[in-house]
N, C-alpha and C. Protein backbone atom coordinates (compact mmCIF):
# COMPACT_ATOMS: atom_id res chain seq x y z
N UNK A 1 -71.29 -50.87 21.75
CA UNK A 1 -71.20 -51.44 23.08
C UNK A 1 -72.37 -50.92 23.92
N UNK A 2 -73.10 -51.83 24.59
CA UNK A 2 -74.21 -51.37 25.42
C UNK A 2 -73.75 -50.44 26.53
N UNK A 3 -74.60 -49.48 26.86
CA UNK A 3 -74.28 -48.54 27.94
C UNK A 3 -74.66 -49.16 29.28
N UNK A 4 -73.87 -48.83 30.29
CA UNK A 4 -74.14 -49.27 31.65
C UNK A 4 -74.23 -48.03 32.52
N UNK A 5 -75.26 -47.96 33.34
CA UNK A 5 -75.43 -46.82 34.21
C UNK A 5 -75.94 -47.29 35.57
N UNK A 6 -75.68 -46.53 36.59
CA UNK A 6 -76.21 -46.85 37.91
C UNK A 6 -77.71 -46.56 37.90
N UNK A 7 -78.45 -47.34 38.65
CA UNK A 7 -79.90 -47.17 38.69
C UNK A 7 -80.29 -45.75 39.09
N UNK A 8 -79.62 -45.18 40.07
CA UNK A 8 -79.95 -43.81 40.49
C UNK A 8 -79.70 -42.81 39.36
N UNK A 9 -78.57 -42.99 38.62
CA UNK A 9 -78.29 -42.11 37.50
C UNK A 9 -79.32 -42.29 36.39
N UNK A 10 -79.79 -43.51 36.26
CA UNK A 10 -80.81 -43.77 35.24
C UNK A 10 -82.04 -42.92 35.51
N UNK A 11 -82.51 -42.94 36.74
CA UNK A 11 -83.70 -42.16 37.07
C UNK A 11 -83.47 -40.65 36.94
N UNK A 12 -82.28 -40.20 37.30
CA UNK A 12 -81.97 -38.77 37.23
C UNK A 12 -81.86 -38.30 35.79
N UNK A 13 -81.35 -39.16 34.90
CA UNK A 13 -81.07 -38.76 33.52
C UNK A 13 -81.89 -39.57 32.52
N UNK A 14 -83.09 -39.89 32.90
CA UNK A 14 -83.93 -40.78 32.10
C UNK A 14 -84.05 -40.33 30.64
N UNK A 15 -84.37 -39.08 30.42
CA UNK A 15 -84.58 -38.60 29.05
C UNK A 15 -83.32 -38.77 28.22
N UNK A 16 -82.17 -38.37 28.74
CA UNK A 16 -80.92 -38.48 27.99
C UNK A 16 -80.54 -39.94 27.72
N UNK A 17 -80.75 -40.79 28.70
CA UNK A 17 -80.40 -42.20 28.53
C UNK A 17 -81.30 -42.86 27.49
N UNK A 18 -82.58 -42.54 27.52
CA UNK A 18 -83.49 -43.11 26.52
C UNK A 18 -83.15 -42.62 25.12
N UNK A 19 -82.76 -41.35 25.00
CA UNK A 19 -82.34 -40.84 23.69
C UNK A 19 -81.09 -41.56 23.21
N UNK A 20 -80.15 -41.80 24.12
CA UNK A 20 -78.92 -42.51 23.78
C UNK A 20 -79.24 -43.93 23.30
N UNK A 21 -80.14 -44.58 24.00
CA UNK A 21 -80.57 -45.92 23.63
C UNK A 21 -81.16 -45.92 22.22
N UNK A 22 -82.01 -44.96 21.96
CA UNK A 22 -82.66 -44.84 20.65
C UNK A 22 -81.65 -44.53 19.56
N UNK A 23 -80.78 -43.56 19.79
CA UNK A 23 -79.83 -43.12 18.77
C UNK A 23 -78.74 -44.15 18.47
N UNK A 24 -78.26 -44.83 19.50
CA UNK A 24 -77.18 -45.80 19.32
C UNK A 24 -77.67 -47.20 19.00
N UNK A 25 -78.99 -47.39 19.10
CA UNK A 25 -79.58 -48.71 18.87
C UNK A 25 -78.90 -49.78 19.72
N UNK A 26 -78.65 -49.43 20.98
CA UNK A 26 -78.04 -50.34 21.93
C UNK A 26 -78.84 -50.31 23.23
N UNK A 27 -78.96 -51.44 23.90
CA UNK A 27 -79.65 -51.43 25.19
C UNK A 27 -78.84 -50.69 26.25
N UNK A 28 -79.51 -50.27 27.29
CA UNK A 28 -78.86 -49.63 28.43
C UNK A 28 -79.08 -50.53 29.64
N UNK A 29 -78.00 -50.88 30.31
CA UNK A 29 -78.06 -51.73 31.50
C UNK A 29 -77.97 -50.85 32.74
N UNK A 30 -78.94 -50.97 33.62
CA UNK A 30 -78.93 -50.21 34.88
C UNK A 30 -78.51 -51.15 36.00
N UNK A 31 -77.53 -50.72 36.77
CA UNK A 31 -76.99 -51.58 37.83
C UNK A 31 -77.16 -50.91 39.19
N UNK A 32 -77.23 -51.71 40.19
CA UNK A 32 -77.30 -51.24 41.56
C UNK A 32 -76.56 -52.20 42.46
N UNK A 33 -75.70 -51.68 43.30
CA UNK A 33 -74.90 -52.51 44.20
C UNK A 33 -74.10 -53.58 43.45
N UNK A 34 -73.63 -53.21 42.27
CA UNK A 34 -72.80 -54.12 41.49
C UNK A 34 -73.56 -55.21 40.77
N UNK A 35 -74.86 -55.17 40.79
CA UNK A 35 -75.67 -56.18 40.12
C UNK A 35 -76.62 -55.52 39.13
N UNK A 36 -76.93 -56.25 38.08
CA UNK A 36 -77.88 -55.74 37.10
C UNK A 36 -79.28 -55.68 37.67
N UNK A 37 -79.93 -54.54 37.49
CA UNK A 37 -81.32 -54.39 37.94
C UNK A 37 -82.29 -54.57 36.78
N UNK A 38 -82.00 -53.90 35.67
CA UNK A 38 -82.86 -54.01 34.52
C UNK A 38 -82.14 -53.56 33.26
N UNK A 39 -82.75 -53.88 32.11
CA UNK A 39 -82.21 -53.50 30.81
C UNK A 39 -83.30 -52.73 30.08
N UNK A 40 -82.92 -51.63 29.46
CA UNK A 40 -83.86 -50.81 28.71
C UNK A 40 -83.45 -50.86 27.25
N UNK A 41 -84.44 -51.08 26.38
CA UNK A 41 -84.17 -51.09 24.94
C UNK A 41 -85.40 -50.58 24.21
N UNK A 42 -85.22 -50.24 22.97
CA UNK A 42 -86.36 -49.76 22.18
C UNK A 42 -87.29 -50.92 21.86
N UNK A 43 -88.50 -50.61 21.50
CA UNK A 43 -89.47 -51.64 21.11
C UNK A 43 -88.95 -52.41 19.91
N UNK A 44 -88.31 -51.72 18.98
CA UNK A 44 -87.76 -52.37 17.79
C UNK A 44 -86.70 -53.42 18.18
N UNK A 45 -85.80 -53.06 19.10
CA UNK A 45 -84.79 -54.01 19.56
C UNK A 45 -85.44 -55.22 20.23
N UNK A 46 -86.42 -54.96 21.06
CA UNK A 46 -87.11 -56.04 21.75
C UNK A 46 -87.79 -56.98 20.75
N UNK A 47 -88.46 -56.41 19.75
CA UNK A 47 -89.12 -57.22 18.74
C UNK A 47 -88.12 -58.07 17.97
N UNK A 48 -86.94 -57.51 17.70
CA UNK A 48 -85.92 -58.28 17.00
C UNK A 48 -85.48 -59.48 17.83
N UNK A 49 -85.42 -59.31 19.13
CA UNK A 49 -84.96 -60.39 20.00
C UNK A 49 -86.05 -61.42 20.25
N UNK A 50 -87.27 -60.98 20.48
CA UNK A 50 -88.32 -61.91 20.90
C UNK A 50 -89.54 -61.94 20.01
N UNK A 51 -89.97 -60.79 19.59
CA UNK A 51 -91.26 -60.68 18.93
C UNK A 51 -91.40 -61.45 17.64
N UNK A 52 -90.46 -61.29 16.74
CA UNK A 52 -90.63 -61.89 15.42
C UNK A 52 -90.67 -63.40 15.48
N UNK A 53 -89.72 -64.02 16.15
CA UNK A 53 -89.69 -65.48 16.17
C UNK A 53 -90.90 -66.04 16.92
N UNK A 54 -91.29 -65.40 18.00
CA UNK A 54 -92.46 -65.86 18.75
C UNK A 54 -93.72 -65.68 17.91
N UNK A 55 -93.83 -64.56 17.24
CA UNK A 55 -95.00 -64.29 16.40
C UNK A 55 -95.08 -65.31 15.26
N UNK A 56 -93.93 -65.63 14.65
CA UNK A 56 -93.91 -66.62 13.57
C UNK A 56 -94.33 -67.99 14.09
N UNK A 57 -93.86 -68.36 15.28
CA UNK A 57 -94.24 -69.64 15.87
C UNK A 57 -95.74 -69.68 16.10
N UNK A 58 -96.29 -68.65 16.71
CA UNK A 58 -97.73 -68.63 16.97
C UNK A 58 -98.53 -68.69 15.67
N UNK A 59 -98.06 -67.98 14.66
CA UNK A 59 -98.77 -68.01 13.37
C UNK A 59 -98.72 -69.41 12.76
N UNK A 60 -97.57 -70.08 12.87
CA UNK A 60 -97.45 -71.44 12.33
C UNK A 60 -98.35 -72.41 13.10
N UNK A 61 -98.37 -72.28 14.41
CA UNK A 61 -99.24 -73.15 15.21
C UNK A 61 -100.71 -72.91 14.89
N UNK A 62 -101.08 -71.66 14.71
CA UNK A 62 -102.47 -71.35 14.38
C UNK A 62 -102.83 -71.89 13.01
N UNK A 63 -101.90 -71.80 12.05
CA UNK A 63 -102.15 -72.34 10.72
C UNK A 63 -102.37 -73.86 10.79
N UNK A 64 -101.56 -74.54 11.61
CA UNK A 64 -101.73 -75.98 11.78
C UNK A 64 -103.07 -76.33 12.42
N UNK A 65 -103.45 -75.58 13.44
CA UNK A 65 -104.75 -75.82 14.08
C UNK A 65 -105.90 -75.57 13.11
N UNK A 66 -105.77 -74.54 12.29
CA UNK A 66 -106.80 -74.25 11.29
C UNK A 66 -106.92 -75.40 10.29
N UNK A 67 -105.78 -75.96 9.88
CA UNK A 67 -105.81 -77.09 8.95
C UNK A 67 -106.49 -78.30 9.58
N UNK A 68 -106.18 -78.58 10.84
CA UNK A 68 -106.81 -79.71 11.54
C UNK A 68 -108.32 -79.49 11.63
N UNK A 69 -108.71 -78.27 12.01
CA UNK A 69 -110.14 -77.96 12.13
C UNK A 69 -110.87 -78.05 10.80
N UNK A 70 -110.15 -77.86 9.70
CA UNK A 70 -110.75 -77.93 8.36
C UNK A 70 -110.61 -79.33 7.75
N UNK A 71 -110.10 -80.28 8.54
CA UNK A 71 -109.96 -81.65 8.05
C UNK A 71 -108.80 -81.84 7.09
N UNK A 72 -107.87 -80.91 7.08
CA UNK A 72 -106.73 -80.97 6.17
C UNK A 72 -105.54 -81.62 6.86
N UNK A 73 -105.59 -82.93 7.01
CA UNK A 73 -104.49 -83.64 7.64
C UNK A 73 -104.45 -85.06 7.11
N UNK A 74 -103.35 -85.76 7.40
CA UNK A 74 -103.20 -87.15 6.98
C UNK A 74 -103.07 -88.01 8.23
N UNK A 75 -103.28 -89.31 8.05
CA UNK A 75 -103.19 -90.22 9.18
C UNK A 75 -101.74 -90.43 9.58
N UNK A 76 -101.56 -91.00 10.76
CA UNK A 76 -100.21 -91.31 11.25
C UNK A 76 -99.49 -92.25 10.28
N UNK A 77 -100.22 -93.25 9.79
CA UNK A 77 -99.63 -94.22 8.86
C UNK A 77 -99.17 -93.52 7.57
N UNK A 78 -100.01 -92.64 7.05
CA UNK A 78 -99.64 -91.90 5.83
C UNK A 78 -98.41 -91.02 6.08
N UNK A 79 -98.34 -90.44 7.27
CA UNK A 79 -97.21 -89.58 7.61
C UNK A 79 -95.91 -90.39 7.63
N UNK A 80 -95.93 -91.55 8.29
CA UNK A 80 -94.71 -92.36 8.36
C UNK A 80 -94.35 -92.94 7.00
N UNK A 81 -95.32 -93.26 6.18
CA UNK A 81 -95.03 -93.69 4.82
C UNK A 81 -94.32 -92.58 4.05
N UNK A 82 -94.80 -91.36 4.23
CA UNK A 82 -94.18 -90.19 3.59
C UNK A 82 -92.72 -90.03 4.05
N UNK A 83 -92.50 -90.15 5.36
CA UNK A 83 -91.14 -90.01 5.90
C UNK A 83 -90.22 -91.11 5.37
N UNK A 84 -90.71 -92.33 5.28
CA UNK A 84 -89.89 -93.43 4.78
C UNK A 84 -89.49 -93.21 3.32
N UNK A 85 -90.34 -92.56 2.56
CA UNK A 85 -90.02 -92.29 1.14
C UNK A 85 -88.93 -91.22 1.02
N UNK A 86 -88.76 -90.41 2.03
CA UNK A 86 -87.74 -89.35 1.98
C UNK A 86 -86.33 -89.93 2.15
N UNK A 87 -86.20 -91.10 2.76
CA UNK A 87 -84.87 -91.68 3.04
C UNK A 87 -84.19 -92.17 1.81
């Protein structure tokens, strides 16, 4: 279960809270006035949530652009002929 702490407590106990986040592999939610202010997580957790899928998308897009730049593509007509054969 993610930890929740008041923003002021977060600043006072920063080292302990960061260690807890690291050891439990759970994000820490800091709240103020009953509302969430920010979420702290390890770089590994962040990469799991955003980095890998975004990186894979960028790599796929770059591979496609490289193929276009190298003349490795088919015409629209060839593409639709290919799709029709799949049905």
